[in-house]
């Protein structure tokens, strides 16, 4: 799930300081050991593709949760971000109505 937030933040080709801070802020309450922290920091700069993120996701609840996390991680203000989010939703098998509902609630 962390990987989808990271990939969403990279959707426009860059991870800016505000996006990085938003991801790290969401993880502040999570207890991580040193190895997990290093993994997270490495992942921040090596985003997964939509295909990598969605491979094997067949549960609709998991798909919706992934999409919600992606929506929460970014402010869709570029065409690249919109295209990435649309691609994620399609790969997860979410209808446009469900995606719109999640985005309106986010």
PDB file of N, CA and C in Angstrom:
ATOM      1  N   UNK A   1       0.817  -1.197   0.000  1.00  0.00           N
ATOM      2  CA  UNK A   1       0.000   0.000   0.000  1.00  0.00           C
ATOM      3  C   UNK A   1       0.864   1.266   0.000  1.00  0.00           C
ATOM      4  N   UNK A   2       1.977   1.212   0.699  1.00  0.00           N
ATOM      5  CA  UNK A   2       2.896   2.350   0.691  1.00  0.00           C
ATOM      6  C   UNK A   2       3.403   2.591  -0.722  1.00  0.00           C
ATOM      7  N   UNK A   3       3.631   1.519  -1.443  1.00  0.00           N
ATOM      8  CA  UNK A   3       4.157   1.642  -2.794  1.00  0.00           C
ATOM      9  C   UNK A   3       3.188   2.378  -3.710  1.00  0.00           C
ATOM     10  N   UNK A   4       1.883   2.211  -3.526  1.00  0.00           N
ATOM     11  CA  UNK A   4       0.920   2.921  -4.386  1.00  0.00           C
ATOM     12  C   UNK A   4       0.950   4.415  -4.084  1.00  0.00           C
ATOM     13  N   UNK A   5       1.119   4.791  -2.824  1.00  0.00           N
ATOM     14  CA  UNK A   5       1.216   6.207  -2.483  1.00  0.00           C
ATOM     15  C   UNK A   5       2.463   6.824  -3.117  1.00  0.00           C
ATOM     16  N   UNK A   6       3.552   6.101  -3.059  1.00  0.00           N
ATOM     17  CA  UNK A   6       4.803   6.584  -3.631  1.00  0.00           C
ATOM     18  C   UNK A   6       4.696   6.717  -5.151  1.00  0.00           C
ATOM     19  N   UNK A   7       4.138   5.703  -5.777  1.00  0.00           N
ATOM     20  CA  UNK A   7       3.986   5.744  -7.233  1.00  0.00           C
ATOM     21  C   UNK A   7       3.066   6.890  -7.648  1.00  0.00           C
ATOM     22  N   UNK A   8       1.991   7.115  -6.896  1.00  0.00           N
ATOM     23  CA  UNK A   8       1.083   8.218  -7.209  1.00  0.00           C
ATOM     24  C   UNK A   8       1.798   9.554  -7.108  1.00  0.00           C
ATOM     25  N   UNK A   9       2.617   9.699  -6.086  1.00  0.00           N
ATOM     26  CA  UNK A   9       3.357  10.948  -5.917  1.00  0.00           C
ATOM     27  C   UNK A   9       4.325  11.198  -7.071  1.00  0.00           C
ATOM     28  N   UNK A  10       4.764  10.129  -7.720  1.00  0.00           N
ATOM     29  CA  UNK A  10       5.672  10.245  -8.868  1.00  0.00           C
ATOM     30  C   UNK A  10       4.919  10.331 -10.201  1.00  0.00           C
ATOM     31  N   UNK A  11       3.604  10.342 -10.172  1.00  0.00           N
ATOM     32  CA  UNK A  11       2.793  10.256 -11.399  1.00  0.00           C
ATOM     33  C   UNK A  11       3.121  11.338 -12.423  1.00  0.00           C
ATOM     34  N   UNK A  12       3.496  12.511 -11.955  1.00  0.00           N
ATOM     35  CA  UNK A  12       3.821  13.596 -12.890  1.00  0.00           C
ATOM     36  C   UNK A  12       5.304  13.639 -13.239  1.00  0.00           C
ATOM     37  N   UNK A  13       6.028  12.610 -12.813  1.00  0.00           N
ATOM     38  CA  UNK A  13       7.435  12.516 -13.154  1.00  0.00           C
ATOM     39  C   UNK A  13       8.384  12.994 -12.067  1.00  0.00           C
ATOM     40  N   UNK A  14       7.843  13.628 -11.037  1.00  0.00           N
ATOM     41  CA  UNK A  14       8.697  14.104  -9.948  1.00  0.00           C
ATOM     42  C   UNK A  14       8.021  13.870  -8.601  1.00  0.00           C
ATOM     43  N   UNK A  15       8.838  13.731  -7.590  1.00  0.00           N
ATOM     44  CA  UNK A  15       8.362  13.656  -6.211  1.00  0.00           C
ATOM     45  C   UNK A  15       8.809  14.955  -5.556  1.00  0.00           C
ATOM     46  N   UNK A  16       7.857  15.873  -5.383  1.00  0.00           N
ATOM     47  CA  UNK A  16       8.262  17.143  -4.792  1.00  0.00           C
ATOM     48  C   UNK A  16       8.262  17.039  -3.269  1.00  0.00           C
ATOM     49  N   UNK A  17       8.770  18.065  -2.647  1.00  0.00           N
ATOM     50  CA  UNK A  17       8.940  18.066  -1.195  1.00  0.00           C
ATOM     51  C   UNK A  17       7.608  17.902  -0.464  1.00  0.00           C
ATOM     52  N   UNK A  18       6.557  18.549  -0.950  1.00  0.00           N
ATOM     53  CA  UNK A  18       5.245  18.452  -0.301  1.00  0.00           C
ATOM     54  C   UNK A  18       4.694  17.035  -0.391  1.00  0.00           C
ATOM     55  N   UNK A  19       4.866  16.390  -1.547  1.00  0.00           N
ATOM     56  CA  UNK A  19       4.384  15.020  -1.707  1.00  0.00           C
ATOM     57  C   UNK A  19       5.161  14.059  -0.801  1.00  0.00           C
ATOM     58  N   UNK A  20       6.470  14.244  -0.742  1.00  0.00           N
ATOM     59  CA  UNK A  20       7.291  13.394   0.126  1.00  0.00           C
ATOM     60  C   UNK A  20       6.876  13.576   1.588  1.00  0.00           C
ATOM     61  N   UNK A  21       6.657  14.815   1.987  1.00  0.00           N
ATOM     62  CA  UNK A  21       6.244  15.104   3.359  1.00  0.00           C
ATOM     63  C   UNK A  21       4.888  14.480   3.663  1.00  0.00           C
ATOM     64  N   UNK A  22       3.950  14.553   2.718  1.00  0.00           N
ATOM     65  CA  UNK A  22       2.625  13.971   2.928  1.00  0.00           C
ATOM     66  C   UNK A  22       2.713  12.466   3.162  1.00  0.00           C
ATOM     67  N   UNK A  23       3.552  11.795   2.408  1.00  0.00           N
ATOM     68  CA  UNK A  23       3.719  10.350   2.578  1.00  0.00           C
ATOM     69  C   UNK A  23       4.344  10.048   3.932  1.00  0.00           C
ATOM     70  N   UNK A  24       5.409  10.754   4.261  1.00  0.00           N
ATOM     71  CA  UNK A  24       6.085  10.513   5.534  1.00  0.00           C
ATOM     72  C   UNK A  24       5.184  10.857   6.721  1.00  0.00           C
ATOM     73  N   UNK A  25       4.378  11.915   6.601  1.00  0.00           N
ATOM     74  CA  UNK A  25       3.447  12.277   7.672  1.00  0.00           C
ATOM     75  C   UNK A  25       2.431  11.172   7.926  1.00  0.00           C
ATOM     76  N   UNK A  26       1.949  10.529   6.846  1.00  0.00           N
ATOM     77  CA  UNK A  26       0.979   9.443   7.005  1.00  0.00           C
ATOM     78  C   UNK A  26       1.586   8.243   7.723  1.00  0.00           C
ATOM     79  N   UNK A  27       2.890   8.136   7.672  1.00  0.00           N
ATOM     80  CA  UNK A  27       3.570   6.986   8.274  1.00  0.00           C
ATOM     81  C   UNK A  27       4.147   7.283   9.652  1.00  0.00           C
ATOM     82  N   UNK A  28       3.980   8.504  10.135  1.00  0.00           N
ATOM     83  CA  UNK A  28       4.569   8.884  11.421  1.00  0.00           C
ATOM     84  C   UNK A  28       4.084   8.012  12.574  1.00  0.00           C
ATOM     85  N   UNK A  29       2.837   7.634  12.586  1.00  0.00           N
ATOM     86  CA  UNK A  29       2.297   6.838  13.682  1.00  0.00           C
ATOM     87  C   UNK A  29       2.614   5.362  13.597  1.00  0.00           C
ATOM     88  N   UNK A  30       3.224   4.948  12.502  1.00  0.00           N
ATOM     89  CA  UNK A  30       3.535   3.533  12.286  1.00  0.00           C
ATOM     90  C   UNK A  30       4.922   3.246  12.844  1.00  0.00           C
ATOM     91  N   UNK A  31       5.011   2.231  13.689  1.00  0.00           N
ATOM     92  CA  UNK A  31       6.318   1.862  14.238  1.00  0.00           C
ATOM     93  C   UNK A  31       7.086   1.043  13.209  1.00  0.00           C
ATOM     94  N   UNK A  32       8.232   1.553  12.822  1.00  0.00           N
ATOM     95  CA  UNK A  32       9.078   0.883  11.839  1.00  0.00           C
ATOM     96  C   UNK A  32      10.455   0.651  12.440  1.00  0.00           C
ATOM     97  N   UNK A  33      11.017  -0.518  12.150  1.00  0.00           N
ATOM     98  CA  UNK A  33      12.390  -0.754  12.590  1.00  0.00           C
ATOM     99  C   UNK A  33      13.339  -0.140  11.561  1.00  0.00           C
ATOM    100  N   UNK A  34      14.617  -0.195  11.830  1.00  0.00           N
ATOM    101  CA  UNK A  34      15.614   0.421  10.955  1.00  0.00           C
ATOM    102  C   UNK A  34      15.569  -0.105   9.538  1.00  0.00           C
ATOM    103  N   UNK A  35      15.419  -1.399   9.390  1.00  0.00           N
ATOM    104  CA  UNK A  35      15.367  -2.006   8.057  1.00  0.00           C
ATOM    105  C   UNK A  35      14.140  -1.534   7.285  1.00  0.00           C
ATOM    106  N   UNK A  36      13.010  -1.442   7.973  1.00  0.00           N
ATOM    107  CA  UNK A  36      11.782  -0.975   7.320  1.00  0.00           C
ATOM    108  C   UNK A  36      11.893   0.493   6.912  1.00  0.00           C
ATOM    109  N   UNK A  37      12.535   1.295   7.742  1.00  0.00           N
ATOM    110  CA  UNK A  37      12.735   2.711   7.399  1.00  0.00           C
ATOM    111  C   UNK A  37      13.616   2.850   6.160  1.00  0.00           C
ATOM    112  N   UNK A  38      14.681   2.050   6.098  1.00  0.00           N
ATOM    113  CA  UNK A  38      15.569   2.102   4.928  1.00  0.00           C
ATOM    114  C   UNK A  38      14.827   1.661   3.665  1.00  0.00           C
ATOM    115  N   UNK A  39      13.998   0.618   3.786  1.00  0.00           N
ATOM    116  CA  UNK A  39      13.189   0.153   2.662  1.00  0.00           C
ATOM    117  C   UNK A  39      12.291   1.284   2.180  1.00  0.00           C
ATOM    118  N   UNK A  40      11.617   1.944   3.108  1.00  0.00           N
ATOM    119  CA  UNK A  40      10.713   3.038   2.767  1.00  0.00           C
ATOM    120  C   UNK A  40      11.457   4.163   2.058  1.00  0.00           C
ATOM    121  N   UNK A  41      12.591   4.556   2.578  1.00  0.00           N
ATOM    122  CA  UNK A  41      13.358   5.643   1.960  1.00  0.00           C
ATOM    123  C   UNK A  41      13.849   5.265   0.572  1.00  0.00           C
ATOM    124  N   UNK A  42      14.239   4.008   0.385  1.00  0.00           N
ATOM    125  CA  UNK A  42      14.626   3.536  -0.953  1.00  0.00           C
ATOM    126  C   UNK A  42      13.434   3.569  -1.901  1.00  0.00           C
ATOM    127  N   UNK A  43      12.280   3.120  -1.426  1.00  0.00           N
ATOM    128  CA  UNK A  43      11.070   3.072  -2.244  1.00  0.00           C
ATOM    129  C   UNK A  43      10.631   4.472  -2.679  1.00  0.00           C
ATOM    130  N   UNK A  44      10.848   5.474  -1.835  1.00  0.00           N
ATOM    131  CA  UNK A  44      10.441   6.840  -2.163  1.00  0.00           C
ATOM    132  C   UNK A  44      11.028   7.316  -3.487  1.00  0.00           C
ATOM    133  N   UNK A  45      12.147   6.755  -3.863  1.00  0.00           N
ATOM    134  CA  UNK A  45      12.816   7.226  -5.077  1.00  0.00           C
ATOM    135  C   UNK A  45      12.896   6.159  -6.156  1.00  0.00           C
ATOM    136  N   UNK A  46      12.123   5.075  -5.986  1.00  0.00           N
ATOM    137  CA  UNK A  46      12.064   4.007  -6.982  1.00  0.00           C
ATOM    138  C   UNK A  46      10.619   3.538  -7.117  1.00  0.00           C
ATOM    139  N   UNK A  47       9.753   4.376  -7.683  1.00  0.00           N
ATOM    140  CA  UNK A  47       8.332   4.027  -7.743  1.00  0.00           C
ATOM    141  C   UNK A  47       8.054   2.823  -8.640  1.00  0.00           C
ATOM    142  N   UNK A  48       7.044   2.065  -8.281  1.00  0.00           N
ATOM    143  CA  UNK A  48       6.603   0.916  -9.068  1.00  0.00           C
ATOM    144  C   UNK A  48       5.673   1.405 -10.185  1.00  0.00           C
ATOM    145  N   UNK A  49       5.622   0.649 -11.257  1.00  0.00           N
ATOM    146  CA  UNK A  49       4.690   0.964 -12.351  1.00  0.00           C
ATOM    147  C   UNK A  49       3.284   0.528 -11.939  1.00  0.00           C
ATOM    148  N   UNK A  50       2.293   1.018 -12.649  1.00  0.00           N
ATOM    149  CA  UNK A  50       0.911   0.615 -12.391  1.00  0.00           C
ATOM    150  C   UNK A  50       0.782  -0.897 -12.530  1.00  0.00           C
ATOM    151  N   UNK A  51       1.434  -1.452 -13.524  1.00  0.00           N
ATOM    152  CA  UNK A  51       1.356  -2.898 -13.742  1.00  0.00           C
ATOM    153  C   UNK A  51       1.943  -3.660 -12.556  1.00  0.00           C
ATOM    154  N   UNK A  52       3.075  -3.208 -12.051  1.00  0.00           N
ATOM    155  CA  UNK A  52       3.686  -3.859 -10.894  1.00  0.00           C
ATOM    156  C   UNK A  52       2.788  -3.761  -9.664  1.00  0.00           C
ATOM    157  N   UNK A  53       2.158  -2.605  -9.481  1.00  0.00           N
ATOM    158  CA  UNK A  53       1.298  -2.399  -8.315  1.00  0.00           C
ATOM    159  C   UNK A  53       0.032  -3.245  -8.345  1.00  0.00           C
ATOM    160  N   UNK A  54      -0.499  -3.458  -9.532  1.00  0.00           N
ATOM    161  CA  UNK A  54      -1.810  -4.108  -9.637  1.00  0.00           C
ATOM    162  C   UNK A  54      -1.748  -5.608  -9.908  1.00  0.00           C
ATOM    163  N   UNK A  55      -0.582  -6.126 -10.203  1.00  0.00           N
ATOM    164  CA  UNK A  55      -0.458  -7.557 -10.475  1.00  0.00           C
ATOM    165  C   UNK A  55      -0.906  -8.353  -9.257  1.00  0.00           C
ATOM    166  N   UNK A  56      -1.856  -9.240  -9.496  1.00  0.00           N
ATOM    167  CA  UNK A  56      -2.331 -10.115  -8.433  1.00  0.00           C
ATOM    168  C   UNK A  56      -3.431  -9.528  -7.560  1.00  0.00           C
ATOM    169  N   UNK A  57      -3.815  -8.290  -7.795  1.00  0.00           N
ATOM    170  CA  UNK A  57      -4.888  -7.686  -6.998  1.00  0.00           C
ATOM    171  C   UNK A  57      -6.222  -8.107  -7.605  1.00  0.00           C
ATOM    172  N   UNK A  58      -6.926  -8.960  -6.905  1.00  0.00           N
ATOM    173  CA  UNK A  58      -8.212  -9.451  -7.397  1.00  0.00           C
ATOM    174  C   UNK A  58      -9.351  -9.118  -6.452  1.00  0.00           C
ATOM    175  N   UNK A  59      -9.035  -8.751  -5.228  1.00  0.00           N
ATOM    176  CA  UNK A  59     -10.034  -8.429  -4.229  1.00  0.00           C
ATOM    177  C   UNK A  59     -10.482  -6.985  -4.416  1.00  0.00           C
ATOM    178  N   UNK A  60     -11.784  -6.765  -4.555  1.00  0.00           N
ATOM    179  CA  UNK A  60     -12.276  -5.408  -4.832  1.00  0.00           C
ATOM    180  C   UNK A  60     -12.043  -4.466  -3.651  1.00  0.00           C
ATOM    181  N   UNK A  61     -12.063  -4.977  -2.445  1.00  0.00           N
ATOM    182  CA  UNK A  61     -11.794  -4.117  -1.281  1.00  0.00           C
ATOM    183  C   UNK A  61     -10.354  -3.621  -1.295  1.00  0.00           C
ATOM    184  N   UNK A  62      -9.437  -4.499  -1.639  1.00  0.00           N
ATOM    185  CA  UNK A  62      -8.030  -4.107  -1.739  1.00  0.00           C
ATOM    186  C   UNK A  62      -7.847  -3.099  -2.861  1.00  0.00           C
ATOM    187  N   UNK A  63      -8.509  -3.327  -3.983  1.00  0.00           N
ATOM    188  CA  UNK A  63      -8.417  -2.413  -5.127  1.00  0.00           C
ATOM    189  C   UNK A  63      -8.926  -1.026  -4.739  1.00  0.00           C
ATOM    190  N   UNK A  64     -10.036  -0.959  -4.051  1.00  0.00           N
ATOM    191  CA  UNK A  64     -10.591   0.334  -3.630  1.00  0.00           C
ATOM    192  C   UNK A  64      -9.669   1.019  -2.634  1.00  0.00           C
ATOM    193  N   UNK A  65      -9.108   0.258  -1.705  1.00  0.00           N
ATOM    194  CA  UNK A  65      -8.187   0.828  -0.723  1.00  0.00           C
ATOM    195  C   UNK A  65      -6.942   1.388  -1.413  1.00  0.00           C
ATOM    196  N   UNK A  66      -6.424   0.658  -2.395  1.00  0.00           N
ATOM    197  CA  UNK A  66      -5.257   1.142  -3.138  1.00  0.00           C
ATOM    198  C   UNK A  66      -5.576   2.453  -3.847  1.00  0.00           C
ATOM    199  N   UNK A  67      -6.736   2.508  -4.481  1.00  0.00           N
ATOM    200  CA  UNK A  67      -7.112   3.714  -5.206  1.00  0.00           C
ATOM    201  C   UNK A  67      -7.282   4.888  -4.234  1.00  0.00           C
ATOM    202  N   UNK A  68      -7.895   4.630  -3.066  1.00  0.00           N
ATOM    203  CA  UNK A  68      -8.066   5.677  -2.062  1.00  0.00           C
ATOM    204  C   UNK A  68      -6.725   6.228  -1.599  1.00  0.00           C
ATOM    205  N   UNK A  69      -5.766   5.342  -1.379  1.00  0.00           N
ATOM    206  CA  UNK A  69      -4.437   5.790  -0.958  1.00  0.00           C
ATOM    207  C   UNK A  69      -3.764   6.625  -2.032  1.00  0.00           C
ATOM    208  N   UNK A  70      -3.925   6.224  -3.278  1.00  0.00           N
ATOM    209  CA  UNK A  70      -3.338   6.992  -4.382  1.00  0.00           C
ATOM    210  C   UNK A  70      -3.955   8.382  -4.446  1.00  0.00           C
ATOM    211  N   UNK A  71      -5.268   8.451  -4.309  1.00  0.00           N
ATOM    212  CA  UNK A  71      -5.969   9.741  -4.345  1.00  0.00           C
ATOM    213  C   UNK A  71      -5.500  10.630  -3.187  1.00  0.00           C
ATOM    214  N   UNK A  72      -5.313  10.021  -2.019  1.00  0.00           N
ATOM    215  CA  UNK A  72      -4.883  10.783  -0.840  1.00  0.00           C
ATOM    216  C   UNK A  72      -3.451  11.292  -0.967  1.00  0.00           C
ATOM    217  N   UNK A  73      -2.654  10.612  -1.764  1.00  0.00           N
ATOM    218  CA  UNK A  73      -1.233  10.959  -1.872  1.00  0.00           C
ATOM    219  C   UNK A  73      -0.957  12.125  -2.806  1.00  0.00           C
ATOM    220  N   UNK A  74      -1.892  12.424  -3.699  1.00  0.00           N
ATOM    221  CA  UNK A  74      -1.619  13.473  -4.675  1.00  0.00           C
ATOM    222  C   UNK A  74      -2.801  14.421  -4.832  1.00  0.00           C
ATOM    223  N   UNK A  75      -2.478  15.589  -5.337  1.00  0.00           N
ATOM    224  CA  UNK A  75      -3.498  16.523  -5.801  1.00  0.00           C
ATOM    225  C   UNK A  75      -3.414  16.465  -7.316  1.00  0.00           C
ATOM    226  N   UNK A  76      -4.486  16.005  -7.939  1.00  0.00           N
ATOM    227  CA  UNK A  76      -4.463  15.807  -9.387  1.00  0.00           C
ATOM    228  C   UNK A  76      -4.573  17.176 -10.061  1.00  0.00           C
ATOM    229  N   UNK A  77      -3.401  17.701 -10.435  1.00  0.00           N
ATOM    230  CA  UNK A  77      -3.381  19.019 -11.062  1.00  0.00           C
ATOM    231  C   UNK A  77      -2.574  19.054 -12.358  1.00  0.00           C
ATOM    232  N   UNK A  78      -2.244  17.864 -12.875  1.00  0.00           N
ATOM    233  CA  UNK A  78      -1.588  17.794 -14.181  1.00  0.00           C
ATOM    234  C   UNK A  78      -2.243  16.677 -14.992  1.00  0.00           C
ATOM    235  N   UNK A  79      -2.085  16.762 -16.286  1.00  0.00           N
ATOM    236  CA  UNK A  79      -2.619  15.706 -17.157  1.00  0.00           C
ATOM    237  C   UNK A  79      -1.928  14.376 -16.885  1.00  0.00           C
ATOM    238  N   UNK A  80      -0.651  14.413 -16.568  1.00  0.00           N
ATOM    239  CA  UNK A  80       0.091  13.179 -16.286  1.00  0.00           C
ATOM    240  C   UNK A  80      -0.462  12.489 -15.043  1.00  0.00           C
ATOM    241  N   UNK A  81      -0.776  13.265 -14.025  1.00  0.00           N
ATOM    242  CA  UNK A  81      -1.350  12.672 -12.807  1.00  0.00           C
ATOM    243  C   UNK A  81      -2.737  12.097 -13.082  1.00  0.00           C
ATOM    244  N   UNK A  82      -3.540  12.824 -13.871  1.00  0.00           N
ATOM    245  CA  UNK A  82      -4.877  12.334 -14.212  1.00  0.00           C
ATOM    246  C   UNK A  82      -4.766  11.027 -14.989  1.00  0.00           C
ATOM    247  N   UNK A  83      -3.871  10.986 -15.961  1.00  0.00           N
ATOM    248  CA  UNK A  83      -3.694   9.780 -16.773  1.00  0.00           C
ATOM    249  C   UNK A  83      -3.213   8.609 -15.909  1.00  0.00           C
ATOM    250  N   UNK A  84      -2.289   8.874 -14.987  1.00  0.00           N
ATOM    251  CA  UNK A  84      -1.773   7.816 -14.119  1.00  0.00           C
ATOM    252  C   UNK A  84      -2.891   7.266 -13.235  1.00  0.00           C
ATOM    253  N   UNK A  85      -3.669   8.164 -12.632  1.00  0.00           N
ATOM    254  CA  UNK A  85      -4.755   7.738 -11.747  1.00  0.00           C
ATOM    255  C   UNK A  85      -5.824   6.973 -12.529  1.00  0.00           C
ATOM    256  N   UNK A  86      -6.148   7.441 -13.733  1.00  0.00           N
ATOM    257  CA  UNK A  86      -7.116   6.720 -14.565  1.00  0.00           C
ATOM    258  C   UNK A  86      -6.597   5.333 -14.911  1.00  0.00           C
ATOM    259  N   UNK A  87      -5.317   5.251 -15.250  1.00  0.00           N
ATOM    260  CA  UNK A  87      -4.716   3.953 -15.569  1.00  0.00           C
ATOM    261  C   UNK A  87      -4.742   3.006 -14.382  1.00  0.00           C
ATOM    262  N   UNK A  88      -4.460   3.535 -13.198  1.00  0.00           N
ATOM    263  CA  UNK A  88      -4.503   2.714 -11.986  1.00  0.00           C
ATOM    264  C   UNK A  88      -5.911   2.180 -11.763  1.00  0.00           C
ATOM    265  N   UNK A  89      -6.893   3.065 -11.854  1.00  0.00           N
ATOM    266  CA  UNK A  89      -8.281   2.640 -11.650  1.00  0.00           C
ATOM    267  C   UNK A  89      -8.718   1.582 -12.636  1.00  0.00           C
ATOM    268  N   UNK A  90      -8.330   1.756 -13.889  1.00  0.00           N
ATOM    269  CA  UNK A  90      -8.676   0.769 -14.919  1.00  0.00           C
ATOM    270  C   UNK A  90      -8.003  -0.572 -14.639  1.00  0.00           C
ATOM    271  N   UNK A  91      -6.715  -0.542 -14.298  1.00  0.00           N
ATOM    272  CA  UNK A  91      -5.984  -1.778 -14.013  1.00  0.00           C
ATOM    273  C   UNK A  91      -6.552  -2.489 -12.785  1.00  0.00           C
ATOM    274  N   UNK A  92      -7.091  -1.726 -11.844  1.00  0.00           N
ATOM    275  CA  UNK A  92      -7.693  -2.320 -10.649  1.00  0.00           C
ATOM    276  C   UNK A  92      -9.107  -2.816 -10.902  1.00  0.00           C
ATOM    277  N   UNK A  93      -9.642  -2.499 -12.078  1.00  0.00           N
ATOM    278  CA  UNK A  93     -10.987  -2.955 -12.424  1.00  0.00           C
ATOM    279  C   UNK A  93     -12.093  -2.153 -11.770  1.00  0.00           C
ATOM    280  N   UNK A  94     -11.794  -0.909 -11.401  1.00  0.00           N
ATOM    281  CA  UNK A  94     -12.803  -0.061 -10.762  1.00  0.00           C
ATOM    282  C   UNK A  94     -13.565   0.734 -11.819  1.00  0.00           C
ATOM    283  N   UNK A  95     -14.870   0.770 -11.673  1.00  0.00           N
ATOM    284  CA  UNK A  95     -15.683   1.518 -12.629  1.00  0.00           C
ATOM    285  C   UNK A  95     -15.411   3.011 -12.481  1.00  0.00           C
ATOM    286  N   UNK A  96     -15.733   3.773 -13.502  1.00  0.00           N
ATOM    287  CA  UNK A  96     -15.515   5.223 -13.436  1.00  0.00           C
ATOM    288  C   UNK A  96     -16.369   5.845 -12.335  1.00  0.00           C
ATOM    289  N   UNK A  97     -17.538   5.270 -12.065  1.00  0.00           N
ATOM    290  CA  UNK A  97     -18.400   5.780 -10.994  1.00  0.00           C
ATOM    291  C   UNK A  97     -17.760   5.586  -9.630  1.00  0.00           C
ATOM    292  N   UNK A  98     -17.189   4.419  -9.401  1.00  0.00           N
ATOM    293  CA  UNK A  98     -16.523   4.146  -8.121  1.00  0.00           C
ATOM    294  C   UNK A  98     -15.305   5.052  -7.978  1.00  0.00           C
ATOM    295  N   UNK A  99     -14.528   5.213  -9.029  1.00  0.00           N
ATOM    296  CA  UNK A  99     -13.352   6.084  -8.975  1.00  0.00           C
ATOM    297  C   UNK A  99     -13.757   7.527  -8.682  1.00  0.00           C
ATOM    298  N   UNK A 100     -14.790   8.001  -9.338  1.00  0.00           N
ATOM    299  CA  UNK A 100     -15.258   9.370  -9.112  1.00  0.00           C
ATOM    300  C   UNK A 100     -15.722   9.540  -7.663  1.00  0.00           C
ATOM    301  N   UNK A 101     -16.453   8.549  -7.146  1.00  0.00           N
ATOM    302  CA  UNK A 101     -16.923   8.610  -5.765  1.00  0.00           C
ATOM    303  C   UNK A 101     -15.745   8.685  -4.790  1.00  0.00           C
ATOM    304  N   UNK A 102     -14.756   7.837  -4.988  1.00  0.00           N
ATOM    305  CA  UNK A 102     -13.575   7.847  -4.115  1.00  0.00           C
ATOM    306  C   UNK A 102     -12.869   9.184  -4.181  1.00  0.00           C
ATOM    307  N   UNK A 103     -12.718   9.730  -5.373  1.00  0.00           N
ATOM    308  CA  UNK A 103     -12.032  11.018  -5.521  1.00  0.00           C
ATOM    309  C   UNK A 103     -12.814  12.152  -4.872  1.00  0.00           C
ATOM    310  N   UNK A 104     -14.124  12.126  -4.963  1.00  0.00           N
ATOM    311  CA  UNK A 104     -14.940  13.175  -4.350  1.00  0.00           C
ATOM    312  C   UNK A 104     -14.888  13.106  -2.835  1.00  0.00           C
ATOM    313  N   UNK A 105     -14.723  11.904  -2.293  1.00  0.00           N
ATOM    314  CA  UNK A 105     -14.661  11.737  -0.846  1.00  0.00           C
ATOM    315  C   UNK A 105     -13.266  12.021  -0.297  1.00  0.00           C
ATOM    316  N   UNK A 106     -12.248  11.920  -1.162  1.00  0.00           N
ATOM    317  CA  UNK A 106     -10.856  12.092  -0.740  1.00  0.00           C
ATOM    318  C   UNK A 106     -10.546  13.518  -0.520  1.00  0.00           C
TER     319      UNK A 106
END
